[in-house]
Amino acid sequence: MEVTLQKASKLSKNLTEATKALSVSTITAVSIYSTDVDADVNKARVAFETNIEKVSAFIAASYEIRQSVSEANSRSGIDSLLTERAEVEAKEKFISNLLGRDIGVDVSRAKRQIETAIARQKAEYYGSDTVAVSVLSEDAIAELKTQLYALRRKKNDITDQLQGTNSSTKAKLSAKTVEALQSAELI
């Protein structure tokens, strides 16, 4: 059976959830009014063993799906796109952080503040001895913003490519995995 990478990813997640939902308790509660304690414990034991087999099958199927998706990702170039998107996101974060900081004032404004501060000091005003001056010119800030917008567009383009590739690339599932998915009522 073949499924798209999107569906394979959902199936793997759903198998994980189905695994968590199975009761694999090593203890059972037996009523003090039970007429056959051995039968009650045996019934719980059979359910336990059945669920242990299902858990094992679900885990194996989930990881087989992941392996199949990994192979398909490599074949289709998704791995490269994911790496490229990660690089773009790192650059975007770096530039966003630069622009989000208090970058100080531009040089011309800093000169005016310095002149004002010197005049105040002569009048016995004791304020700060420094002025925070931006090392970035207005042109540099504009260029950073341009780079940031370009990175965001590129990230969106990569995301679109990934979605298209994920919906068109197929992962092959073995008969054993299909059986586990059917047992979990996922297909």
N, C-alpha and C. Protein backbone atom coordinates (compact mmCIF):
# COMPACT_ATOMS: atom_id res chain seq x y z
N MET A 1 0.85 -1.18 0.00
CA MET A 1 0.00 0.00 0.00
C MET A 1 0.89 1.24 0.00
N GLU A 2 0.49 2.25 -0.77
CA GLU A 2 1.21 3.51 -0.80
C GLU A 2 0.30 4.62 -0.30
N VAL A 3 0.89 5.53 0.47
CA VAL A 3 0.15 6.70 0.98
C VAL A 3 1.05 7.92 0.80
N THR A 4 0.41 9.09 0.77
CA THR A 4 1.20 10.32 0.68
C THR A 4 1.97 10.50 1.98
N LEU A 5 3.00 11.33 1.92
CA LEU A 5 3.81 11.58 3.11
C LEU A 5 2.97 12.25 4.20
N GLN A 6 2.05 13.10 3.80
CA GLN A 6 1.17 13.74 4.79
C GLN A 6 0.35 12.69 5.53
N LYS A 7 -0.24 11.79 4.76
CA LYS A 7 -1.07 10.75 5.38
C LYS A 7 -0.20 9.82 6.22
N ALA A 8 0.98 9.49 5.75
CA ALA A 8 1.87 8.61 6.51
C ALA A 8 2.22 9.25 7.85
N SER A 9 2.48 10.53 7.84
CA SER A 9 2.80 11.23 9.09
C SER A 9 1.63 11.18 10.06
N LYS A 10 0.44 11.41 9.55
CA LYS A 10 -0.76 11.35 10.40
C LYS A 10 -0.98 9.94 10.94
N LEU A 11 -0.78 8.95 10.08
CA LEU A 11 -0.96 7.56 10.52
C LEU A 11 0.02 7.21 11.63
N SER A 12 1.25 7.65 11.49
CA SER A 12 2.26 7.37 12.51
C SER A 12 1.87 8.01 13.84
N LYS A 13 1.42 9.26 13.79
CA LYS A 13 0.98 9.95 15.02
C LYS A 13 -0.23 9.25 15.62
N ASN A 14 -1.16 8.84 14.77
CA ASN A 14 -2.36 8.16 15.27
C ASN A 14 -2.02 6.80 15.88
N LEU A 15 -1.02 6.12 15.32
CA LEU A 15 -0.57 4.85 15.91
C LEU A 15 0.01 5.08 17.29
N THR A 16 0.74 6.14 17.45
CA THR A 16 1.31 6.48 18.76
C THR A 16 0.19 6.71 19.76
N GLU A 17 -0.84 7.44 19.35
CA GLU A 17 -1.99 7.69 20.23
C GLU A 17 -2.73 6.39 20.54
N ALA A 18 -2.89 5.53 19.54
CA ALA A 18 -3.56 4.25 19.75
C ALA A 18 -2.77 3.39 20.73
N THR A 19 -1.46 3.47 20.66
CA THR A 19 -0.60 2.72 21.58
C THR A 19 -0.82 3.18 23.01
N LYS A 20 -0.88 4.49 23.19
CA LYS A 20 -1.09 5.05 24.53
C LYS A 20 -2.45 4.67 25.10
N ALA A 21 -3.43 4.48 24.22
CA ALA A 21 -4.79 4.19 24.66
C ALA A 21 -4.97 2.74 25.11
N LEU A 22 -4.05 1.86 24.73
CA LEU A 22 -4.19 0.45 25.10
C LEU A 22 -3.87 0.24 26.57
N SER A 23 -4.68 -0.55 27.21
CA SER A 23 -4.46 -0.85 28.63
C SER A 23 -3.44 -1.98 28.76
N VAL A 24 -2.32 -1.66 29.39
CA VAL A 24 -1.30 -2.68 29.60
C VAL A 24 -0.93 -2.73 31.08
N SER A 25 -1.94 -2.68 31.89
CA SER A 25 -1.73 -2.73 33.34
C SER A 25 -1.33 -4.14 33.76
N THR A 26 -0.38 -4.22 34.65
CA THR A 26 0.07 -5.52 35.16
C THR A 26 -0.74 -5.94 36.37
N ILE A 27 -1.73 -5.15 36.71
CA ILE A 27 -2.58 -5.45 37.87
C ILE A 27 -4.03 -5.37 37.42
N THR A 28 -4.86 -6.23 37.96
CA THR A 28 -6.29 -6.16 37.70
C THR A 28 -7.03 -6.14 39.04
N ALA A 29 -8.17 -5.52 39.02
CA ALA A 29 -8.98 -5.48 40.24
C ALA A 29 -9.99 -6.62 40.19
N VAL A 30 -10.01 -7.40 41.23
CA VAL A 30 -10.95 -8.51 41.32
C VAL A 30 -11.91 -8.22 42.47
N SER A 31 -13.16 -8.31 42.17
CA SER A 31 -14.19 -8.03 43.18
C SER A 31 -14.13 -9.06 44.31
N ILE A 32 -14.39 -8.62 45.49
CA ILE A 32 -14.43 -9.56 46.63
C ILE A 32 -15.64 -10.47 46.53
N TYR A 33 -16.58 -10.12 45.64
CA TYR A 33 -17.78 -10.95 45.45
C TYR A 33 -17.65 -11.88 44.25
N SER A 34 -16.45 -11.93 43.66
CA SER A 34 -16.23 -12.77 42.49
C SER A 34 -16.41 -14.24 42.86
N THR A 35 -17.05 -14.95 41.96
CA THR A 35 -17.25 -16.38 42.20
C THR A 35 -16.12 -17.21 41.64
N ASP A 36 -15.31 -16.60 40.71
CA ASP A 36 -14.20 -17.33 40.11
C ASP A 36 -13.02 -16.37 39.89
N VAL A 37 -12.20 -16.21 40.92
CA VAL A 37 -11.06 -15.30 40.87
C VAL A 37 -10.09 -15.72 39.77
N ASP A 38 -9.84 -17.02 39.63
CA ASP A 38 -8.92 -17.51 38.60
C ASP A 38 -9.40 -17.11 37.20
N ALA A 39 -10.68 -17.23 36.94
CA ALA A 39 -11.23 -16.87 35.62
C ALA A 39 -11.11 -15.37 35.39
N ASP A 40 -11.35 -14.58 36.42
CA ASP A 40 -11.24 -13.12 36.28
C ASP A 40 -9.80 -12.71 35.99
N VAL A 41 -8.84 -13.30 36.70
CA VAL A 41 -7.43 -12.99 36.48
C VAL A 41 -6.99 -13.47 35.10
N ASN A 42 -7.45 -14.65 34.71
CA ASN A 42 -7.09 -15.20 33.40
C ASN A 42 -7.64 -14.30 32.28
N LYS A 43 -8.85 -13.80 32.45
CA LYS A 43 -9.45 -12.91 31.46
C LYS A 43 -8.60 -11.63 31.33
N ALA A 44 -8.18 -11.08 32.45
CA ALA A 44 -7.33 -9.88 32.45
C ALA A 44 -5.97 -10.19 31.82
N ARG A 45 -5.44 -11.39 32.10
CA ARG A 45 -4.15 -11.79 31.55
C ARG A 45 -4.23 -11.89 30.03
N VAL A 46 -5.30 -12.48 29.51
CA VAL A 46 -5.48 -12.60 28.06
C VAL A 46 -5.57 -11.20 27.42
N ALA A 47 -6.33 -10.32 28.05
CA ALA A 47 -6.45 -8.94 27.53
C ALA A 47 -5.09 -8.25 27.56
N PHE A 48 -4.34 -8.45 28.64
CA PHE A 48 -3.01 -7.86 28.78
C PHE A 48 -2.09 -8.36 27.66
N GLU A 49 -2.05 -9.67 27.46
CA GLU A 49 -1.17 -10.24 26.44
C GLU A 49 -1.56 -9.79 25.03
N THR A 50 -2.86 -9.69 24.78
CA THR A 50 -3.34 -9.21 23.49
C THR A 50 -2.89 -7.76 23.26
N ASN A 51 -3.04 -6.94 24.30
CA ASN A 51 -2.65 -5.54 24.17
C ASN A 51 -1.14 -5.37 24.04
N ILE A 52 -0.37 -6.24 24.72
CA ILE A 52 1.09 -6.19 24.58
C ILE A 52 1.47 -6.49 23.13
N GLU A 53 0.83 -7.47 22.52
CA GLU A 53 1.10 -7.78 21.12
C GLU A 53 0.73 -6.60 20.22
N LYS A 54 -0.42 -5.96 20.51
CA LYS A 54 -0.83 -4.80 19.72
C LYS A 54 0.16 -3.65 19.88
N VAL A 55 0.57 -3.39 21.12
CA VAL A 55 1.53 -2.31 21.36
C VAL A 55 2.80 -2.56 20.55
N SER A 56 3.29 -3.77 20.61
CA SER A 56 4.50 -4.12 19.87
C SER A 56 4.30 -3.92 18.37
N ALA A 57 3.17 -4.35 17.85
CA ALA A 57 2.88 -4.21 16.42
C ALA A 57 2.71 -2.74 16.04
N PHE A 58 2.04 -1.96 16.91
CA PHE A 58 1.82 -0.54 16.62
C PHE A 58 3.15 0.22 16.62
N ILE A 59 4.00 -0.08 17.58
CA ILE A 59 5.31 0.60 17.65
C ILE A 59 6.14 0.25 16.42
N ALA A 60 6.17 -1.04 16.08
CA ALA A 60 6.94 -1.47 14.91
C ALA A 60 6.39 -0.80 13.64
N ALA A 61 5.09 -0.74 13.51
CA ALA A 61 4.47 -0.13 12.33
C ALA A 61 4.77 1.37 12.28
N SER A 62 4.69 2.01 13.42
CA SER A 62 4.95 3.45 13.48
C SER A 62 6.37 3.77 13.02
N TYR A 63 7.32 2.99 13.49
CA TYR A 63 8.71 3.24 13.11
C TYR A 63 9.00 2.79 11.68
N GLU A 64 8.29 1.81 11.20
CA GLU A 64 8.44 1.43 9.79
C GLU A 64 7.93 2.56 8.90
N ILE A 65 6.82 3.17 9.31
CA ILE A 65 6.28 4.32 8.56
C ILE A 65 7.30 5.45 8.57
N ARG A 66 7.87 5.73 9.73
CA ARG A 66 8.87 6.80 9.83
C ARG A 66 10.06 6.52 8.90
N GLN A 67 10.48 5.26 8.86
CA GLN A 67 11.60 4.89 7.98
C GLN A 67 11.23 5.09 6.52
N SER A 68 10.03 4.67 6.16
CA SER A 68 9.57 4.82 4.79
C SER A 68 9.46 6.30 4.41
N VAL A 69 8.97 7.11 5.34
CA VAL A 69 8.87 8.55 5.10
C VAL A 69 10.27 9.16 4.96
N SER A 70 11.18 8.72 5.79
CA SER A 70 12.56 9.22 5.73
C SER A 70 13.18 8.92 4.37
N GLU A 71 12.98 7.72 3.88
CA GLU A 71 13.53 7.34 2.58
C GLU A 71 12.88 8.16 1.47
N ALA A 72 11.58 8.35 1.56
CA ALA A 72 10.87 9.15 0.55
C ALA A 72 11.32 10.62 0.62
N ASN A 73 11.54 11.12 1.82
CA ASN A 73 12.03 12.49 1.97
C ASN A 73 13.37 12.68 1.28
N SER A 74 14.22 11.70 1.45
CA SER A 74 15.54 11.77 0.84
C SER A 74 15.44 11.72 -0.69
N ARG A 75 14.63 10.80 -1.19
CA ARG A 75 14.46 10.64 -2.64
C ARG A 75 13.87 11.89 -3.29
N SER A 76 12.91 12.51 -2.62
CA SER A 76 12.16 13.62 -3.23
C SER A 76 12.80 14.99 -3.01
N GLY A 77 13.86 15.04 -2.19
CA GLY A 77 14.52 16.32 -1.95
C GLY A 77 13.96 17.09 -0.77
N ILE A 78 13.04 16.49 -0.04
CA ILE A 78 12.45 17.17 1.12
C ILE A 78 13.51 17.44 2.18
N ASP A 79 14.44 16.52 2.37
CA ASP A 79 15.51 16.74 3.36
C ASP A 79 16.26 18.03 3.05
N SER A 80 16.57 18.23 1.80
CA SER A 80 17.30 19.45 1.40
C SER A 80 16.45 20.69 1.63
N LEU A 81 15.17 20.60 1.31
CA LEU A 81 14.27 21.74 1.53
C LEU A 81 14.15 22.06 3.02
N LEU A 82 14.08 21.02 3.86
CA LEU A 82 13.99 21.24 5.30
C LEU A 82 15.25 21.91 5.83
N THR A 83 16.40 21.49 5.32
CA THR A 83 17.66 22.10 5.72
C THR A 83 17.71 23.56 5.28
N GLU A 84 17.30 23.80 4.05
CA GLU A 84 17.29 25.18 3.53
C GLU A 84 16.33 26.05 4.35
N ARG A 85 15.16 25.51 4.69
CA ARG A 85 14.20 26.28 5.49
C ARG A 85 14.77 26.58 6.88
N ALA A 86 15.46 25.62 7.47
CA ALA A 86 16.06 25.84 8.78
C ALA A 86 17.09 26.96 8.72
N GLU A 87 17.89 26.99 7.66
CA GLU A 87 18.88 28.06 7.49
C GLU A 87 18.18 29.41 7.36
N VAL A 88 17.15 29.47 6.54
CA VAL A 88 16.40 30.72 6.35
C VAL A 88 15.79 31.17 7.67
N GLU A 89 15.23 30.24 8.43
CA GLU A 89 14.63 30.59 9.73
C GLU A 89 15.68 31.12 10.70
N ALA A 90 16.88 30.54 10.69
CA ALA A 90 17.95 31.02 11.58
C ALA A 90 18.35 32.45 11.21
N LYS A 91 18.49 32.71 9.91
CA LYS A 91 18.84 34.06 9.46
C LYS A 91 17.72 35.04 9.79
N GLU A 92 16.49 34.61 9.57
CA GLU A 92 15.33 35.47 9.86
C GLU A 92 15.30 35.83 11.35
N LYS A 93 15.53 34.87 12.19
CA LYS A 93 15.53 35.11 13.63
C LYS A 93 16.65 36.08 14.02
N PHE A 94 17.83 35.89 13.44
CA PHE A 94 18.97 36.76 13.75
C PHE A 94 18.66 38.20 13.36
N ILE A 95 18.17 38.41 12.14
CA ILE A 95 17.88 39.77 11.69
C ILE A 95 16.73 40.37 12.49
N SER A 96 15.71 39.57 12.78
CA SER A 96 14.59 40.06 13.60
C SER A 96 15.08 40.53 14.96
N ASN A 97 15.99 39.75 15.54
CA ASN A 97 16.54 40.14 16.84
C ASN A 97 17.35 41.44 16.75
N LEU A 98 18.11 41.59 15.66
CA LEU A 98 18.86 42.84 15.47
C LEU A 98 17.92 44.04 15.39
N LEU A 99 16.87 43.89 14.59
CA LEU A 99 15.94 44.99 14.39
C LEU A 99 15.04 45.21 15.62
N GLY A 100 14.87 44.19 16.42
CA GLY A 100 14.00 44.30 17.59
C GLY A 100 14.68 44.91 18.80
N ARG A 101 15.99 45.02 18.75
CA ARG A 101 16.74 45.58 19.88
C ARG A 101 16.62 47.11 19.89
N ASP A 102 16.97 47.68 21.04
CA ASP A 102 17.12 49.12 21.12
C ASP A 102 18.44 49.43 20.42
N ILE A 103 18.37 50.02 19.25
CA ILE A 103 19.58 50.22 18.47
C ILE A 103 20.18 51.61 18.67
N GLY A 104 19.62 52.37 19.58
CA GLY A 104 20.15 53.69 19.85
C GLY A 104 19.68 54.71 18.83
N VAL A 105 20.32 55.86 18.85
CA VAL A 105 19.92 56.94 17.94
C VAL A 105 20.95 57.07 16.83
N ASP A 106 20.54 57.74 15.76
CA ASP A 106 21.50 57.92 14.67
C ASP A 106 22.54 58.96 15.07
N VAL A 107 23.59 59.06 14.30
CA VAL A 107 24.75 59.89 14.64
C VAL A 107 24.37 61.36 14.77
N SER A 108 23.58 61.89 13.85
CA SER A 108 23.23 63.32 13.91
C SER A 108 22.44 63.64 15.18
N ARG A 109 21.52 62.78 15.52
CA ARG A 109 20.75 62.98 16.76
C ARG A 109 21.66 62.83 17.98
N ALA A 110 22.59 61.89 17.92
CA ALA A 110 23.52 61.68 19.03
C ALA A 110 24.37 62.93 19.25
N LYS A 111 24.79 63.56 18.16
CA LYS A 111 25.58 64.79 18.30
C LYS A 111 24.79 65.87 19.01
N ARG A 112 23.52 66.01 18.67
CA ARG A 112 22.66 67.01 19.34
C ARG A 112 22.52 66.68 20.82
N GLN A 113 22.33 65.37 21.13
CA GLN A 113 22.20 64.98 22.54
C GLN A 113 23.49 65.25 23.32
N ILE A 114 24.61 65.02 22.67
CA ILE A 114 25.89 65.27 23.33
C ILE A 114 26.06 66.77 23.60
N GLU A 115 25.72 67.61 22.62
CA GLU A 115 25.81 69.05 22.82
C GLU A 115 24.90 69.50 23.97
N THR A 116 23.70 68.95 24.02
CA THR A 116 22.75 69.29 25.09
C THR A 116 23.29 68.83 26.44
N ALA A 117 23.86 67.64 26.48
CA ALA A 117 24.39 67.11 27.74
C ALA A 117 25.57 67.95 28.22
N ILE A 118 26.42 68.38 27.30
CA ILE A 118 27.57 69.22 27.68
C ILE A 118 27.07 70.56 28.23
N ALA A 119 26.08 71.12 27.57
CA ALA A 119 25.52 72.39 28.05
C ALA A 119 24.92 72.23 29.44
N ARG A 120 24.24 71.13 29.68
CA ARG A 120 23.65 70.89 31.01
C ARG A 120 24.72 70.71 32.07
N GLN A 121 25.80 70.02 31.69
CA GLN A 121 26.86 69.81 32.68
C GLN A 121 27.49 71.14 33.08
N LYS A 122 27.60 72.06 32.14
CA LYS A 122 28.15 73.37 32.46
C LYS A 122 27.22 74.11 33.41
N ALA A 123 25.96 73.78 33.36
CA ALA A 123 24.99 74.41 34.25
C ALA A 123 24.80 73.57 35.52
N GLU A 124 25.77 72.76 35.86
CA GLU A 124 25.79 71.93 37.06
C GLU A 124 24.73 70.83 37.05
N TYR A 125 24.42 70.33 35.88
CA TYR A 125 23.51 69.19 35.77
C TYR A 125 24.37 67.95 35.58
N TYR A 126 24.13 66.97 36.39
CA TYR A 126 24.92 65.74 36.29
C TYR A 126 24.02 64.62 35.77
N GLY A 127 24.09 64.38 34.50
CA GLY A 127 23.32 63.30 33.88
C GLY A 127 24.26 62.20 33.43
N SER A 128 23.81 61.46 32.48
CA SER A 128 24.62 60.37 31.95
C SER A 128 25.79 60.91 31.14
N ASP A 129 26.89 60.21 31.21
CA ASP A 129 28.09 60.61 30.46
C ASP A 129 28.14 59.97 29.08
N THR A 130 27.13 59.18 28.73
CA THR A 130 27.17 58.48 27.44
C THR A 130 25.84 58.65 26.71
N VAL A 131 25.90 58.45 25.42
CA VAL A 131 24.72 58.44 24.57
C VAL A 131 24.78 57.16 23.75
N ALA A 132 23.68 56.41 23.72
CA ALA A 132 23.64 55.18 22.92
C ALA A 132 23.47 55.55 21.46
N VAL A 133 24.49 55.25 20.66
CA VAL A 133 24.50 55.61 19.25
C VAL A 133 24.46 54.33 18.42
N SER A 134 23.59 54.32 17.45
CA SER A 134 23.45 53.16 16.57
C SER A 134 24.65 53.06 15.64
N VAL A 135 25.18 51.88 15.51
CA VAL A 135 26.23 51.64 14.52
C VAL A 135 25.62 51.40 13.15
N LEU A 136 24.29 51.28 13.13
CA LEU A 136 23.58 51.06 11.87
C LEU A 136 23.07 52.39 11.33
N SER A 137 23.36 52.63 10.08
CA SER A 137 22.81 53.83 9.43
C SER A 137 21.36 53.54 9.07
N GLU A 138 20.63 54.58 8.71
CA GLU A 138 19.25 54.39 8.27
C GLU A 138 19.20 53.46 7.05
N ASP A 139 20.19 53.61 6.17
CA ASP A 139 20.26 52.75 4.99
C ASP A 139 20.51 51.29 5.38
N ALA A 140 21.37 51.09 6.40
CA ALA A 140 21.65 49.72 6.86
C ALA A 140 20.40 49.10 7.48
N ILE A 141 19.65 49.87 8.22
CA ILE A 141 18.41 49.37 8.84
C ILE A 141 17.41 49.02 7.74
N ALA A 142 17.30 49.89 6.75
CA ALA A 142 16.39 49.62 5.62
C ALA A 142 16.82 48.35 4.89
N GLU A 143 18.12 48.16 4.72
CA GLU A 143 18.63 46.96 4.04
C GLU A 143 18.32 45.71 4.86
N LEU A 144 18.48 45.80 6.17
CA LEU A 144 18.15 44.65 7.03
C LEU A 144 16.67 44.30 6.92
N LYS A 145 15.83 45.31 6.88
CA LYS A 145 14.38 45.06 6.74
C LYS A 145 14.08 44.42 5.39
N THR A 146 14.76 44.88 4.35
CA THR A 146 14.59 44.29 3.03
C THR A 146 15.01 42.82 3.05
N GLN A 147 16.14 42.53 3.70
CA GLN A 147 16.61 41.14 3.82
C GLN A 147 15.61 40.30 4.60
N LEU A 148 15.06 40.87 5.67
CA LEU A 148 14.10 40.14 6.49
C LEU A 148 12.86 39.78 5.68
N TYR A 149 12.33 40.74 4.92
CA TYR A 149 11.15 40.47 4.11
C TYR A 149 11.45 39.43 3.03
N ALA A 150 12.64 39.50 2.45
CA ALA A 150 13.04 38.52 1.43
C ALA A 150 13.14 37.12 2.04
N LEU A 151 13.70 37.04 3.25
CA LEU A 151 13.81 35.74 3.94
C LEU A 151 12.42 35.18 4.24
N ARG A 152 11.51 36.02 4.65
CA ARG A 152 10.15 35.55 4.93
C ARG A 152 9.46 35.04 3.68
N ARG A 153 9.66 35.74 2.56
CA ARG A 153 9.09 35.27 1.29
C ARG A 153 9.70 33.92 0.89
N LYS A 154 11.02 33.81 1.07
CA LYS A 154 11.71 32.57 0.71
C LYS A 154 11.21 31.42 1.58
N LYS A 155 11.02 31.69 2.89
CA LYS A 155 10.51 30.64 3.79
C LYS A 155 9.12 30.20 3.36
N ASN A 156 8.27 31.15 2.97
CA ASN A 156 6.93 30.80 2.49
C ASN A 156 6.99 29.98 1.22
N ASP A 157 7.91 30.34 0.31
CA ASP A 157 8.07 29.57 -0.93
C ASP A 157 8.51 28.14 -0.63
N ILE A 158 9.45 27.99 0.30
CA ILE A 158 9.93 26.66 0.67
C ILE A 158 8.81 25.86 1.31
N THR A 159 8.03 26.50 2.18
CA THR A 159 6.91 25.82 2.82
C THR A 159 5.91 25.34 1.78
N ASP A 160 5.63 26.18 0.78
CA ASP A 160 4.73 25.77 -0.31
C ASP A 160 5.29 24.58 -1.07
N GLN A 161 6.60 24.61 -1.36
CA GLN A 161 7.23 23.48 -2.04
C GLN A 161 7.11 22.21 -1.20
N LEU A 162 7.34 22.35 0.10
CA LEU A 162 7.26 21.19 0.99
C LEU A 162 5.85 20.61 1.00
N GLN A 163 4.87 21.48 1.07
CA GLN A 163 3.48 21.00 1.09
C GLN A 163 3.14 20.27 -0.20
N GLY A 164 3.58 20.83 -1.32
CA GLY A 164 3.32 20.18 -2.61
C GLY A 164 4.01 18.84 -2.71
N THR A 165 5.25 18.79 -2.27
CA THR A 165 6.00 17.54 -2.34
C THR A 165 5.42 16.51 -1.36
N ASN A 166 5.04 16.96 -0.17
CA ASN A 166 4.45 16.05 0.82
C ASN A 166 3.13 15.46 0.33
N SER A 167 2.39 16.22 -0.44
CA SER A 167 1.10 15.71 -0.90
C SER A 167 1.22 14.88 -2.16
N SER A 168 2.36 14.95 -2.84
CA SER A 168 2.51 14.16 -4.07
C SER A 168 3.46 12.98 -3.92
N THR A 169 4.33 13.00 -2.95
CA THR A 169 5.29 11.91 -2.76
C THR A 169 4.63 10.79 -1.96
N LYS A 170 4.92 9.59 -2.34
CA LYS A 170 4.29 8.42 -1.70
C LYS A 170 5.31 7.65 -0.86
N ALA A 171 4.81 7.10 0.21
CA ALA A 171 5.60 6.20 1.06
C ALA A 171 4.94 4.83 0.97
N LYS A 172 5.76 3.80 0.87
CA LYS A 172 5.24 2.44 0.73
C LYS A 172 5.15 1.79 2.11
N LEU A 173 3.98 1.18 2.39
CA LEU A 173 3.74 0.51 3.66
C LEU A 173 3.67 -1.00 3.43
N SER A 174 4.32 -1.74 4.31
CA SER A 174 4.31 -3.19 4.18
C SER A 174 2.96 -3.75 4.61
N ALA A 175 2.74 -4.99 4.25
CA ALA A 175 1.49 -5.67 4.61
C ALA A 175 1.33 -5.75 6.13
N LYS A 176 2.43 -5.95 6.83
CA LYS A 176 2.40 -6.04 8.29
C LYS A 176 1.99 -4.70 8.90
N THR A 177 2.49 -3.61 8.34
CA THR A 177 2.11 -2.28 8.82
C THR A 177 0.65 -1.99 8.52
N VAL A 178 0.21 -2.36 7.34
CA VAL A 178 -1.20 -2.18 6.98
C VAL A 178 -2.08 -2.96 7.94
N GLU A 179 -1.66 -4.17 8.30
CA GLU A 179 -2.41 -4.99 9.25
C GLU A 179 -2.49 -4.30 10.61
N ALA A 180 -1.40 -3.72 11.07
CA ALA A 180 -1.39 -3.00 12.34
C ALA A 180 -2.31 -1.78 12.27
N LEU A 181 -2.29 -1.07 11.16
CA LEU A 181 -3.16 0.10 10.98
C LEU A 181 -4.63 -0.31 10.99
N GLN A 182 -4.93 -1.44 10.37
CA GLN A 182 -6.31 -1.94 10.38
C GLN A 182 -6.71 -2.36 11.79
N SER A 183 -5.79 -2.99 12.50
CA SER A 183 -6.07 -3.41 13.87
C SER A 183 -6.36 -2.20 14.76
N ALA A 184 -5.70 -1.08 14.48
CA ALA A 184 -5.92 0.15 15.25
C ALA A 184 -7.10 0.95 14.70
N GLU A 185 -7.73 0.39 13.66
CA GLU A 185 -8.87 1.01 13.00
C GLU A 185 -8.53 2.40 12.46
N LEU A 186 -7.33 2.51 11.89
CA LEU A 186 -6.90 3.78 11.31
C LEU A 186 -7.08 3.82 9.81
N ILE A 187 -7.22 2.63 9.20
CA ILE A 187 -7.53 2.56 7.77
C ILE A 187 -8.60 1.52 7.57
